[in-house]
C-alpha atoms as a PDB file:
ATOM      1  CA  UNK A   1       0.062  -0.161   0.044  1.00  0.00           C
ATOM      2  CA  UNK A   2       0.804   3.654  -0.429  1.00  0.00           C
ATOM      3  CA  UNK A   3      -0.607   4.969   1.952  1.00  0.00           C
ATOM      4  CA  UNK A   4       1.300   8.097   3.594  1.00  0.00           C
ATOM      5  CA  UNK A   5       2.296   8.847   7.127  1.00  0.00           C
ATOM      6  CA  UNK A   6       2.159  12.169   9.145  1.00  0.00           C
ATOM      7  CA  UNK A   7       5.772  11.871   9.493  1.00  0.00           C
ATOM      8  CA  UNK A   8       6.040  11.704   5.573  1.00  0.00           C
ATOM      9  CA  UNK A   9       3.888  15.001   5.797  1.00  0.00           C
ATOM     10  CA  UNK A  10       5.600  16.854   7.818  1.00  0.00           C
ATOM     11  CA  UNK A  11       9.230  16.180   6.491  1.00  0.00           C
ATOM     12  CA  UNK A  12       7.339  17.390   3.059  1.00  0.00           C
ATOM     13  CA  UNK A  13       5.726  20.582   4.764  1.00  0.00           C
ATOM     14  CA  UNK A  14       2.632  19.473   3.597  1.00  0.00           C
ATOM     15  CA  UNK A  15       1.001  21.336   7.372  1.00  0.00           C
ATOM     16  CA  UNK A  16       2.387  24.831   5.865  1.00  0.00           C
ATOM     17  CA  UNK A  17      -0.817  26.442   5.038  1.00  0.00           C
ATOM     18  CA  UNK A  18      -1.104  30.324   3.193  1.00  0.00           C
ATOM     19  CA  UNK A  19      -1.294  33.445   5.356  1.00  0.00           C
ATOM     20  CA  UNK A  20      -4.496  33.720   7.654  1.00  0.00           C
ATOM     21  CA  UNK A  21      -5.268  37.131   5.535  1.00  0.00           C
ATOM     22  CA  UNK A  22      -5.396  34.670   2.353  1.00  0.00           C
ATOM     23  CA  UNK A  23      -7.865  32.114   3.381  1.00  0.00           C
ATOM     24  CA  UNK A  24     -11.076  30.784   2.278  1.00  0.00           C
ATOM     25  CA  UNK A  25     -13.163  30.078   4.997  1.00  0.00           C
ATOM     26  CA  UNK A  26     -14.674  27.034   3.802  1.00  0.00           C
ATOM     27  CA  UNK A  27     -11.423  25.588   4.645  1.00  0.00           C
ATOM     28  CA  UNK A  28     -11.667  25.693   8.120  1.00  0.00           C
ATOM     29  CA  UNK A  29     -12.542  22.285   9.230  1.00  0.00           C
ATOM     30  CA  UNK A  30      -9.275  21.390   7.685  1.00  0.00           C
ATOM     31  CA  UNK A  31      -7.073  23.997   9.621  1.00  0.00           C
ATOM     32  CA  UNK A  32      -5.406  22.335  12.617  1.00  0.00           C
ATOM     33  CA  UNK A  33      -4.661  26.245  13.700  1.00  0.00           C
ATOM     34  CA  UNK A  34      -2.592  29.340  12.985  1.00  0.00           C
ATOM     35  CA  UNK A  35       1.749  30.279  13.719  1.00  0.00           C
ATOM     36  CA  UNK A  36       3.254  33.633  12.882  1.00  0.00           C
ATOM     37  CA  UNK A  37       0.295  34.317  10.663  1.00  0.00           C
ATOM     38  CA  UNK A  38       0.062  31.042   8.710  1.00  0.00           C
ATOM     39  CA  UNK A  39      -2.877  28.260   8.927  1.00  0.00           C
ATOM     40  CA  UNK A  40      -1.228  25.269   9.855  1.00  0.00           C
ATOM     41  CA  UNK A  41      -3.312  22.082   8.284  1.00  0.00           C
ATOM     42  CA  UNK A  42      -4.576  19.285  10.249  1.00  0.00           C
ATOM     43  CA  UNK A  43      -2.414  16.459   9.413  1.00  0.00           C
ATOM     44  CA  UNK A  44      -4.454  13.826  11.117  1.00  0.00           C
ATOM     45  CA  UNK A  45      -7.300  14.633   8.746  1.00  0.00           C
ATOM     46  CA  UNK A  46      -5.287  14.656   5.976  1.00  0.00           C
ATOM     47  CA  UNK A  47      -4.026  11.017   6.407  1.00  0.00           C
ATOM     48  CA  UNK A  48      -7.335   9.945   6.271  1.00  0.00           C
ATOM     49  CA  UNK A  49      -8.380  11.813   3.687  1.00  0.00           C
ATOM     50  CA  UNK A  50      -5.294  10.506   1.388  1.00  0.00           C
ATOM     51  CA  UNK A  51      -6.137   7.406   2.755  1.00  0.00           C
ATOM     52  CA  UNK A  52      -9.928   7.702   0.931  1.00  0.00           C
ATOM     53  CA  UNK A  53      -8.761   9.514  -2.246  1.00  0.00           C
ATOM     54  CA  UNK A  54      -5.598   6.726  -2.823  1.00  0.00           C
ATOM     55  CA  UNK A  55      -8.454   3.659  -2.293  1.00  0.00           C
ATOM     56  CA  UNK A  56     -10.927   5.609  -5.023  1.00  0.00           C
ATOM     57  CA  UNK A  57      -8.112   6.302  -7.354  1.00  0.00           C
ATOM     58  CA  UNK A  58      -7.240   2.504  -7.175  1.00  0.00           C
ATOM     59  CA  UNK A  59     -10.319   1.289  -7.891  1.00  0.00           C
ATOM     60  CA  UNK A  60     -11.017   3.488 -10.584  1.00  0.00           C
ATOM     61  CA  UNK A  61      -7.833   2.249 -12.139  1.00  0.00           C
ATOM     62  CA  UNK A  62      -8.712  -1.318 -11.069  1.00  0.00           C
ATOM     63  CA  UNK A  63     -11.336  -0.968 -13.451  1.00  0.00           C
ATOM     64  CA  UNK A  64      -9.484  -0.088 -16.742  1.00  0.00           C
ATOM     65  CA  UNK A  65     -10.310   3.447 -16.077  1.00  0.00           C
ATOM     66  CA  UNK A  66      -7.876   6.352 -16.745  1.00  0.00           C
ATOM     67  CA  UNK A  67      -6.778   8.937 -14.615  1.00  0.00           C
ATOM     68  CA  UNK A  68      -6.016  12.447 -15.389  1.00  0.00           C
ATOM     69  CA  UNK A  69      -3.258  14.044 -13.918  1.00  0.00           C
ATOM     70  CA  UNK A  70      -3.800  18.399 -13.866  1.00  0.00           C
ATOM     71  CA  UNK A  71      -1.169  20.326 -12.520  1.00  0.00           C
ATOM     72  CA  UNK A  72      -0.238  23.371 -14.959  1.00  0.00           C
ATOM     73  CA  UNK A  73       1.812  25.607 -12.592  1.00  0.00           C
ATOM     74  CA  UNK A  74       5.511  25.864 -12.240  1.00  0.00           C
ATOM     75  CA  UNK A  75       5.927  24.248  -9.146  1.00  0.00           C
ATOM     76  CA  UNK A  76       3.451  21.141 -10.308  1.00  0.00           C
ATOM     77  CA  UNK A  77       4.333  20.643 -13.931  1.00  0.00           C
ATOM     78  CA  UNK A  78       7.476  18.703 -13.541  1.00  0.00           C
ATOM     79  CA  UNK A  79       5.879  16.021 -10.792  1.00  0.00           C
ATOM     80  CA  UNK A  80       2.568  15.605 -13.063  1.00  0.00           C
ATOM     81  CA  UNK A  81       4.443  15.250 -16.164  1.00  0.00           C
ATOM     82  CA  UNK A  82       7.139  12.544 -14.128  1.00  0.00           C
ATOM     83  CA  UNK A  83       4.303  10.568 -12.671  1.00  0.00           C
ATOM     84  CA  UNK A  84       1.523  10.779 -14.659  1.00  0.00           C
ATOM     85  CA  UNK A  85       4.120   8.977 -17.510  1.00  0.00           C
ATOM     86  CA  UNK A  86       5.278   6.581 -15.098  1.00  0.00           C
ATOM     87  CA  UNK A  87       1.605   5.402 -13.713  1.00  0.00           C
ATOM     88  CA  UNK A  88       1.032   5.163 -17.634  1.00  0.00           C
ATOM     89  CA  UNK A  89      -1.778   7.607 -17.171  1.00  0.00           C
ATOM     90  CA  UNK A  90      -2.769  11.052 -18.976  1.00  0.00           C
ATOM     91  CA  UNK A  91      -1.929  14.384 -18.134  1.00  0.00           C
ATOM     92  CA  UNK A  92      -2.799  17.740 -19.979  1.00  0.00           C
ATOM     93  CA  UNK A  93      -0.678  18.095 -22.725  1.00  0.00           C
ATOM     94  CA  UNK A  94      -1.492  14.223 -23.757  1.00  0.00           C
ATOM     95  CA  UNK A  95      -5.255  14.837 -23.354  1.00  0.00           C
ATOM     96  CA  UNK A  96      -5.868  14.863 -27.546  1.00  0.00           C
ATOM     97  CA  UNK A  97      -4.233  10.950 -27.024  1.00  0.00           C
ATOM     98  CA  UNK A  98      -7.354   9.874 -25.117  1.00  0.00           C
ATOM     99  CA  UNK A  99      -9.897   7.931 -26.669  1.00  0.00           C
ATOM    100  CA  UNK A 100     -12.291   8.212 -23.703  1.00  0.00           C
ATOM    101  CA  UNK A 101     -13.477  10.155 -20.806  1.00  0.00           C
ATOM    102  CA  UNK A 102     -11.304   9.631 -17.662  1.00  0.00           C
ATOM    103  CA  UNK A 103     -12.308   7.597 -14.750  1.00  0.00           C
ATOM    104  CA  UNK A 104     -11.253  10.481 -12.716  1.00  0.00           C
ATOM    105  CA  UNK A 105      -9.374  13.764 -12.409  1.00  0.00           C
ATOM    106  CA  UNK A 106      -6.545  14.273 -10.012  1.00  0.00           C
ATOM    107  CA  UNK A 107      -5.345  17.925  -9.490  1.00  0.00           C
ATOM    108  CA  UNK A 108      -2.725  20.022  -7.852  1.00  0.00           C
ATOM    109  CA  UNK A 109      -3.909  23.448  -6.577  1.00  0.00           C
ATOM    110  CA  UNK A 110      -7.665  23.594  -7.608  1.00  0.00           C
ATOM    111  CA  UNK A 111      -7.755  27.419  -7.451  1.00  0.00           C
ATOM    112  CA  UNK A 112      -5.355  27.514 -10.573  1.00  0.00           C
ATOM    113  CA  UNK A 113      -7.189  24.752 -11.928  1.00  0.00           C
ATOM    114  CA  UNK A 114     -10.462  26.411 -12.536  1.00  0.00           C
ATOM    115  CA  UNK A 115     -11.141  24.888 -16.048  1.00  0.00           C
ATOM    116  CA  UNK A 116     -10.729  21.500 -15.109  1.00  0.00           C
ATOM    117  CA  UNK A 117     -12.346  21.906 -11.855  1.00  0.00           C
ATOM    118  CA  UNK A 118     -15.364  23.399 -14.518  1.00  0.00           C
ATOM    119  CA  UNK A 119     -15.308  20.703 -17.172  1.00  0.00           C
ATOM    120  CA  UNK A 120     -15.057  17.726 -14.718  1.00  0.00           C
ATOM    121  CA  UNK A 121     -18.112  18.905 -12.743  1.00  0.00           C
ATOM    122  CA  UNK A 122     -19.691  19.605 -15.988  1.00  0.00           C
ATOM    123  CA  UNK A 123     -18.994  16.035 -17.446  1.00  0.00           C
ATOM    124  CA  UNK A 124     -19.370  13.988 -14.318  1.00  0.00           C
ATOM    125  CA  UNK A 125     -15.943  13.123 -13.846  1.00  0.00           C
ATOM    126  CA  UNK A 126     -15.160  12.462 -10.010  1.00  0.00           C
ATOM    127  CA  UNK A 127     -12.241  15.381  -8.852  1.00  0.00           C
ATOM    128  CA  UNK A 128      -9.299  13.880  -6.746  1.00  0.00           C
ATOM    129  CA  UNK A 129      -7.407  17.201  -5.595  1.00  0.00           C
ATOM    130  CA  UNK A 130      -4.418  18.634  -2.644  1.00  0.00           C
ATOM    131  CA  UNK A 131      -6.742  21.775  -1.633  1.00  0.00           C
ATOM    132  CA  UNK A 132      -4.865  24.444   0.268  1.00  0.00           C
ATOM    133  CA  UNK A 133      -6.143  26.980   2.871  1.00  0.00           C
ATOM    134  CA  UNK A 134      -6.994  29.461   0.266  1.00  0.00           C
ATOM    135  CA  UNK A 135      -8.962  27.081  -1.869  1.00  0.00           C
ATOM    136  CA  UNK A 136     -12.945  25.992  -1.949  1.00  0.00           C
ATOM    137  CA  UNK A 137     -13.156  23.151  -1.230  1.00  0.00           C
ATOM    138  CA  UNK A 138     -16.898  22.419  -2.497  1.00  0.00           C
ATOM    139  CA  UNK A 139     -16.369  20.958  -6.258  1.00  0.00           C
ATOM    140  CA  UNK A 140     -13.888  18.745  -5.002  1.00  0.00           C
ATOM    141  CA  UNK A 141     -15.506  15.052  -4.669  1.00  0.00           C
ATOM    142  CA  UNK A 142     -11.974  13.745  -2.804  1.00  0.00           C
ATOM    143  CA  UNK A 143     -10.559  16.667  -0.891  1.00  0.00           C
ATOM    144  CA  UNK A 144      -6.892  16.077   0.091  1.00  0.00           C
ATOM    145  CA  UNK A 145      -5.627  18.943   2.674  1.00  0.00           C
ATOM    146  CA  UNK A 146      -2.700  19.616   2.111  1.00  0.00           C
ATOM    147  CA  UNK A 147       0.288  22.606   0.943  1.00  0.00           C
ATOM    148  CA  UNK A 148      -0.243  22.965  -2.802  1.00  0.00           C
ATOM    149  CA  UNK A 149       2.826  25.276  -3.627  1.00  0.00           C
ATOM    150  CA  UNK A 150       5.648  23.299  -2.140  1.00  0.00           C
ATOM    151  CA  UNK A 151       7.726  21.310  -4.446  1.00  0.00           C
ATOM    152  CA  UNK A 152       8.292  18.423  -2.074  1.00  0.00           C
ATOM    153  CA  UNK A 153       4.692  18.298  -1.313  1.00  0.00           C
ATOM    154  CA  UNK A 154       3.353  18.118  -4.371  1.00  0.00           C
ATOM    155  CA  UNK A 155       5.846  15.727  -5.592  1.00  0.00           C
ATOM    156  CA  UNK A 156       4.863  13.204  -2.475  1.00  0.00           C
ATOM    157  CA  UNK A 157       1.069  13.700  -3.368  1.00  0.00           C
ATOM    158  CA  UNK A 158       1.698  12.817  -6.819  1.00  0.00           C
ATOM    159  CA  UNK A 159       4.022   9.875  -6.589  1.00  0.00           C
ATOM    160  CA  UNK A 160       1.443   8.278  -4.015  1.00  0.00           C
ATOM    161  CA  UNK A 161      -1.361   8.753  -6.277  1.00  0.00           C
ATOM    162  CA  UNK A 162       0.527   7.477  -9.111  1.00  0.00           C
ATOM    163  CA  UNK A 163       1.494   4.688  -7.433  1.00  0.00           C
ATOM    164  CA  UNK A 164      -2.469   3.979  -6.481  1.00  0.00           C
ATOM    165  CA  UNK A 165      -2.839   3.742 -10.230  1.00  0.00           C
ATOM    166  CA  UNK A 166      -0.344   1.177 -10.956  1.00  0.00           C
ATOM    167  CA  UNK A 167      -1.501  -0.791  -8.042  1.00  0.00           C
ATOM    168  CA  UNK A 168      -5.415  -1.022  -9.473  1.00  0.00           C
ATOM    169  CA  UNK A 169      -3.993  -1.253 -13.149  1.00  0.00           C
ATOM    170  CA  UNK A 170      -2.443  -4.371 -11.825  1.00  0.00           C
ATOM    171  CA  UNK A 171      -5.529  -5.663 -10.538  1.00  0.00           C
ATOM    172  CA  UNK A 172      -7.009  -4.875 -13.515  1.00  0.00           C
ATOM    173  CA  UNK A 173      -4.567  -7.089 -15.494  1.00  0.00           C
ATOM    174  CA  UNK A 174      -4.471  -9.973 -13.556  1.00  0.00           C
ATOM    175  CA  UNK A 175      -8.402 -10.292 -14.088  1.00  0.00           C
ATOM    176  CA  UNK A 176      -8.083 -10.023 -17.527  1.00  0.00           C
ATOM    177  CA  UNK A 177      -5.329 -12.789 -17.333  1.00  0.00           C
ATOM    178  CA  UNK A 178      -7.536 -14.326 -15.235  1.00  0.00           C
ATOM    179  CA  UNK A 179     -10.452 -13.996 -17.690  1.00  0.00           C
ATOM    180  CA  UNK A 180      -8.425 -15.471 -20.379  1.00  0.00           C
ATOM    181  CA  UNK A 181      -6.905 -18.246 -19.209  1.00  0.00           C
ATOM    182  CA  UNK A 182     -10.666 -19.216 -18.315  1.00  0.00           C
ATOM    183  CA  UNK A 183     -11.815 -18.812 -21.740  1.00  0.00           C
ATOM    184  CA  UNK A 184      -8.907 -20.355 -22.957  1.00  0.00           C
ATOM    185  CA  UNK A 185      -9.124 -23.609 -20.877  1.00  0.00           C
ATOM    186  CA  UNK A 186     -13.296 -23.787 -21.687  1.00  0.00           C
ATOM    187  CA  UNK A 187     -12.232 -23.628 -25.813  1.00  0.00           C
ATOM    188  CA  UNK A 188     -10.385 -26.679 -25.263  1.00  0.00           C
ATOM    189  CA  UNK A 189     -12.551 -29.887 -26.632  1.00  0.00           C
ATOM    190  CA  UNK A 190     -11.675 -32.952 -24.548  1.00  0.00           C
ATOM    191  CA  UNK A 191      -9.648 -35.648 -25.849  1.00  0.00           C
ATOM    192  CA  UNK A 192     -11.642 -38.519 -26.805  1.00  0.00           C
ATOM    193  CA  UNK A 193     -11.030 -42.396 -26.673  1.00  0.00           C
ATOM    194  CA  UNK A 194     -11.469 -42.747 -30.490  1.00  0.00           C
ATOM    195  CA  UNK A 195      -8.266 -40.670 -31.030  1.00  0.00           C
ATOM    196  CA  UNK A 196      -5.876 -42.164 -28.762  1.00  0.00           C
ATOM    197  CA  UNK A 197      -4.796 -45.332 -26.391  1.00  0.00           C
ATOM    198  CA  UNK A 198      -4.700 -44.512 -22.999  1.00  0.00           C
ATOM    199  CA  UNK A 199      -1.009 -46.155 -21.900  1.00  0.00           C
ATOM    200  CA  UNK A 200      -0.725 -46.885 -18.466  1.00  0.00           C
ATOM    201  CA  UNK A 201       2.964 -47.915 -17.197  1.00  0.00           C
ATOM    202  CA  UNK A 202       2.535 -50.688 -14.497  1.00  0.00           C
ATOM    203  CA  UNK A 203       6.530 -51.248 -14.076  1.00  0.00           C
ATOM    204  CA  UNK A 204       9.350 -49.386 -14.763  1.00  0.00           C
ATOM    205  CA  UNK A 205      11.650 -52.151 -15.546  1.00  0.00           C
ATOM    206  CA  UNK A 206      13.848 -52.484 -12.710  1.00  0.00           C
ATOM    207  CA  UNK A 207      12.185 -55.759 -11.408  1.00  0.00           C
ATOM    208  CA  UNK A 208      11.364 -57.589 -15.091  1.00  0.00           C
ATOM    209  CA  UNK A 209      10.044 -56.103 -17.707  1.00  0.00           C
ATOM    210  CA  UNK A 210       7.918 -53.402 -18.187  1.00  0.00           C
ATOM    211  CA  UNK A 211       4.619 -54.085 -18.315  1.00  0.00           C
ATOM    212  CA  UNK A 212       2.000 -51.331 -20.309  1.00  0.00           C
ATOM    213  CA  UNK A 213      -1.626 -51.714 -19.709  1.00  0.00           C
ATOM    214  CA  UNK A 214      -3.489 -50.287 -22.883  1.00  0.00           C
ATOM    215  CA  UNK A 215      -7.041 -48.950 -22.460  1.00  0.00           C
ATOM    216  CA  UNK A 216      -9.084 -49.801 -25.595  1.00  0.00           C
ATOM    217  CA  UNK A 217     -12.446 -48.036 -26.221  1.00  0.00           C
ATOM    218  CA  UNK A 218     -15.172 -50.942 -25.579  1.00  0.00           C
ATOM    219  CA  UNK A 219     -17.139 -51.437 -29.234  1.00  0.00           C
ATOM    220  CA  UNK A 220     -20.835 -50.883 -28.690  1.00  0.00           C
ATOM    221  CA  UNK A 221     -23.120 -53.684 -28.043  1.00  0.00           C
ATOM    222  CA  UNK A 222     -24.435 -53.539 -31.401  1.00  0.00           C
ATOM    223  CA  UNK A 223     -21.462 -53.610 -33.126  1.00  0.00           C
ATOM    224  CA  UNK A 224     -20.131 -56.441 -30.945  1.00  0.00           C
ATOM    225  CA  UNK A 225     -23.261 -58.508 -31.931  1.00  0.00           C
ATOM    226  CA  UNK A 226     -23.302 -58.257 -35.125  1.00  0.00           C
ATOM    227  CA  UNK A 227     -19.682 -59.203 -35.519  1.00  0.00           C
ATOM    228  CA  UNK A 228     -20.383 -62.266 -33.932  1.00  0.00           C
ATOM    229  CA  UNK A 229     -23.048 -63.128 -36.293  1.00  0.00           C
ATOM    230  CA  UNK A 230     -21.123 -62.709 -38.890  1.00  0.00           C
ATOM    231  CA  UNK A 231     -17.878 -64.994 -37.396  1.00  0.00           C
ATOM    232  CA  UNK A 232     -20.764 -67.893 -36.788  1.00  0.00           C
END
């Protein structure tokens, strides 16, 4: 499992929100407190909510659906590019290659990606997002409270979501392989007794000659009677 611990979140600076004068009151329930004019995000909630988001993404990938990674600002673009490619998923620059709607959208900084949020809502696509203290969480299906500006924080979340995609795809592939094997076995014809004789080895020859018992198919009763009458 590619979940996240509080220690990892602390080391990546995920708990640092925006200045208290730049916040969205709707994020109040995700805030632990304030320090030196900066809001501190409640990491216990982040751990819990990330687990929920992770399992959702994994489940979507396990259904064979695509995940779209979105994060166009400078701090996020490199991580989004690398992790989306590692997970063999899509990102904004590859949208033209998508042949169907994604099963979910993962977003870094929904305030900066308002267009993606709007399109996702219009098309009914579930949205998972890292949401900082200055964002509106109302349009997000799976909120991950966290610092969406620090590169280490962005990389941590993006890499773990990519891991969830990979885990889900492995499950999907295993199911596909199992189904193919099942269909292959069902399509194989059973061997007929007319095609070959069954040979059973009775001795390996160490104690005498090798003896083979040959099981022959019993002739139908009608044919046996006719053959007997013909000899008479």
